[in-house]
Amino acid sequence: MAIEELAKPVNTWCPHCKPGRGCLIYPDRPGECQTFSCLWLVHDQLDHHWMPSKSRFVLTTSEDGIEVRCDPGFPDAWRKEPYRGEIREWAVSGETHDVTVVVMTGQKMTLVTPDREFDLGVVQPDERIVREIEGTQVVNATVVKASDLNEI
């Protein structure tokens, strides 16, 4: 994730992160880092296997759902069990509660639904995911410019 206070762009290692040791400036880390908590830290129902150093991804939330942010060195970690099955369960629940489940690997995004995965490619900050829904089931997903949504 990007960290504005450190001018750290998305999809790059923080210069203060030492793999295996963690944050080298932890006591003096920026406010952005101090206020961030992955879901594993704050959600009691996520077992030890969801810990980012074990699962190889970080779980976060967005305005409309759950984001699985993969370690670029382990892009398919989320596809392994028990993760894949549990992520699908979230997608099942999400269909009835209008919550999306998105996997982010580098700059690429995949929308996960109970029945399929929609490869959305690179989604830019000024773009949005549009889901085509029949009943409660997502049957298609596309990416459009946010400005185009006002015209729809």
Protein backbone atom coordinates (compact mmCIF):
# COMPACT_ATOMS: atom_id res chain seq x y z
CA MET A 1 0.00 0.00 0.00
CA ALA A 2 1.09 3.56 -0.56
CA ILE A 3 2.25 5.63 2.41
CA GLU A 4 2.02 9.32 1.56
CA GLU A 5 4.01 10.54 4.56
CA LEU A 6 6.99 8.45 3.41
CA ALA A 7 6.42 9.10 -0.31
CA LYS A 8 6.20 5.30 -0.65
CA PRO A 9 4.30 4.34 -3.79
CA VAL A 10 1.97 1.37 -3.99
CA ASN A 11 3.54 -2.01 -4.84
CA THR A 12 6.97 -1.19 -3.42
CA TRP A 13 8.58 -2.27 -0.18
CA CYS A 14 8.79 0.38 2.48
CA PRO A 15 12.43 1.39 2.91
CA HIS A 16 11.96 0.95 6.66
CA CYS A 17 10.68 -2.63 6.42
CA LYS A 18 13.14 -5.44 7.05
CA PRO A 19 11.64 -8.82 6.09
CA GLY A 20 11.71 -11.12 9.09
CA ARG A 21 12.14 -8.23 11.52
CA GLY A 22 9.38 -5.79 10.61
CA CYS A 23 9.35 -2.02 10.82
CA LEU A 24 12.70 -0.48 11.71
CA ILE A 25 11.11 2.84 12.72
CA TYR A 26 8.10 1.36 14.54
CA PRO A 27 8.15 3.76 17.55
CA ASP A 28 8.42 6.75 15.19
CA ARG A 29 6.37 5.46 12.27
CA PRO A 30 4.06 7.90 10.43
CA GLY A 31 0.49 8.47 11.56
CA GLU A 32 -0.79 6.60 8.51
CA CYS A 33 1.00 3.49 9.72
CA GLN A 34 -0.03 4.01 13.35
CA THR A 35 -3.73 4.11 12.50
CA PHE A 36 -3.68 1.19 10.04
CA SER A 37 -4.82 -2.22 11.25
CA CYS A 38 -5.26 -5.19 8.99
CA LEU A 39 -8.40 -7.25 9.58
CA TRP A 40 -6.34 -10.04 11.13
CA LEU A 41 -5.42 -7.70 14.00
CA VAL A 42 -8.93 -6.43 14.66
CA HIS A 43 -11.26 -9.33 13.77
CA ASP A 44 -11.52 -12.00 16.47
CA GLN A 45 -12.83 -14.66 14.08
CA LEU A 46 -9.67 -14.72 11.94
CA ASP A 47 -7.43 -17.54 13.19
CA HIS A 48 -3.64 -17.60 13.33
CA HIS A 49 -3.44 -18.92 9.76
CA TRP A 50 -4.67 -15.49 8.53
CA MET A 51 -1.66 -13.70 10.02
CA PRO A 52 -0.03 -11.87 7.07
CA SER A 53 3.41 -13.42 7.59
CA LYS A 54 1.78 -16.87 7.37
CA SER A 55 -0.94 -16.27 4.75
CA ARG A 56 1.23 -14.02 2.56
CA PHE A 57 -1.47 -11.39 2.16
CA VAL A 58 -3.06 -8.58 4.14
CA LEU A 59 -6.81 -8.27 4.61
CA THR A 60 -8.24 -4.75 4.49
CA THR A 61 -11.63 -3.18 3.97
CA SER A 62 -12.84 -0.71 1.37
CA GLU A 63 -16.01 1.35 1.08
CA ASP A 64 -17.90 -1.63 -0.30
CA GLY A 65 -16.09 -4.75 0.76
CA ILE A 66 -13.08 -6.82 1.66
CA GLU A 67 -9.70 -6.56 -0.04
CA VAL A 68 -7.15 -9.38 -0.08
CA ARG A 69 -3.80 -7.69 -0.79
CA CYS A 70 -1.29 -10.34 -1.88
CA ASP A 71 2.44 -10.26 -1.29
CA PRO A 72 3.79 -9.90 -4.86
CA GLY A 73 6.22 -12.75 -4.16
CA PHE A 74 3.25 -15.05 -3.43
CA PRO A 75 0.54 -13.98 -5.90
CA ASP A 76 -1.44 -17.22 -5.62
CA ALA A 77 -1.33 -17.57 -1.82
CA TRP A 78 -5.04 -16.74 -1.61
CA ARG A 79 -5.88 -19.66 -3.91
CA LYS A 80 -4.58 -22.22 -1.41
CA GLU A 81 -6.78 -23.82 1.21
CA PRO A 82 -8.09 -22.95 3.68
CA TYR A 83 -7.97 -19.39 2.31
CA ARG A 84 -9.71 -19.95 -1.03
CA GLY A 85 -12.67 -21.72 0.57
CA GLU A 86 -13.10 -19.09 3.27
CA ILE A 87 -12.76 -16.23 0.78
CA ARG A 88 -15.50 -17.90 -1.31
CA GLU A 89 -17.68 -18.07 1.81
CA TRP A 90 -17.23 -14.32 2.23
CA ALA A 91 -18.28 -13.90 -1.40
CA VAL A 92 -21.43 -15.98 -0.78
CA SER A 93 -22.34 -13.78 2.17
CA GLY A 94 -21.35 -10.70 0.18
CA GLU A 95 -23.82 -11.40 -2.60
CA THR A 96 -26.74 -11.17 -0.22
CA HIS A 97 -25.33 -8.16 1.67
CA ASP A 98 -23.94 -6.21 -1.34
CA VAL A 99 -20.33 -6.61 -0.22
CA THR A 100 -17.54 -7.20 -2.72
CA VAL A 101 -14.49 -9.41 -2.26
CA VAL A 102 -11.51 -8.26 -4.30
CA VAL A 103 -8.07 -9.84 -4.54
CA MET A 104 -5.24 -7.46 -5.37
CA THR A 105 -2.01 -8.87 -6.77
CA GLY A 106 0.34 -6.06 -7.62
CA GLN A 107 -1.79 -3.64 -9.59
CA LYS A 108 -4.19 -6.31 -10.88
CA MET A 109 -7.57 -6.96 -9.32
CA THR A 110 -9.81 -10.00 -9.31
CA LEU A 111 -13.43 -9.82 -8.16
CA VAL A 112 -14.33 -13.05 -6.36
CA THR A 113 -17.92 -14.27 -6.41
CA PRO A 114 -19.33 -17.57 -5.15
CA ASP A 115 -19.28 -19.07 -8.64
CA ARG A 116 -16.43 -17.37 -10.48
CA GLU A 117 -13.56 -14.95 -10.54
CA PHE A 118 -13.58 -11.85 -12.72
CA ASP A 119 -10.09 -10.75 -13.80
CA LEU A 120 -10.40 -6.97 -13.88
CA GLY A 121 -6.80 -6.23 -14.79
CA VAL A 122 -5.29 -2.98 -13.53
CA VAL A 123 -7.90 -0.73 -11.94
CA GLN A 124 -6.78 2.89 -11.76
CA PRO A 125 -7.70 5.20 -8.85
CA ASP A 126 -10.13 7.09 -11.10
CA GLU A 127 -11.91 3.86 -12.13
CA ARG A 128 -14.64 1.85 -10.47
CA ILE A 129 -15.82 -1.75 -10.63
CA VAL A 130 -19.34 -2.14 -11.97
CA ARG A 131 -21.10 -5.41 -11.23
CA GLU A 132 -23.97 -6.69 -13.37
CA ILE A 133 -26.38 -8.45 -11.03
CA GLU A 134 -29.29 -10.80 -11.69
CA GLY A 135 -31.21 -11.30 -8.47
CA THR A 136 -28.36 -11.39 -5.99
CA GLN A 137 -25.88 -13.13 -8.31
CA VAL A 138 -23.04 -11.26 -10.04
CA VAL A 139 -23.08 -12.31 -13.70
CA ASN A 140 -20.52 -9.86 -15.07
CA ALA A 141 -18.05 -7.24 -13.89
CA THR A 142 -16.38 -4.41 -15.77
CA VAL A 143 -14.22 -1.41 -14.97
CA VAL A 144 -15.30 2.11 -15.94
CA LYS A 145 -14.05 5.63 -15.35
CA ALA A 146 -15.65 7.11 -12.23
CA SER A 147 -16.69 10.16 -14.26
CA ASP A 148 -18.65 7.87 -16.63
CA LEU A 149 -20.78 6.59 -13.74
CA ASN A 150 -22.54 9.94 -13.56
CA GLU A 151 -23.74 9.41 -17.12
CA ILE A 152 -25.17 5.94 -16.46
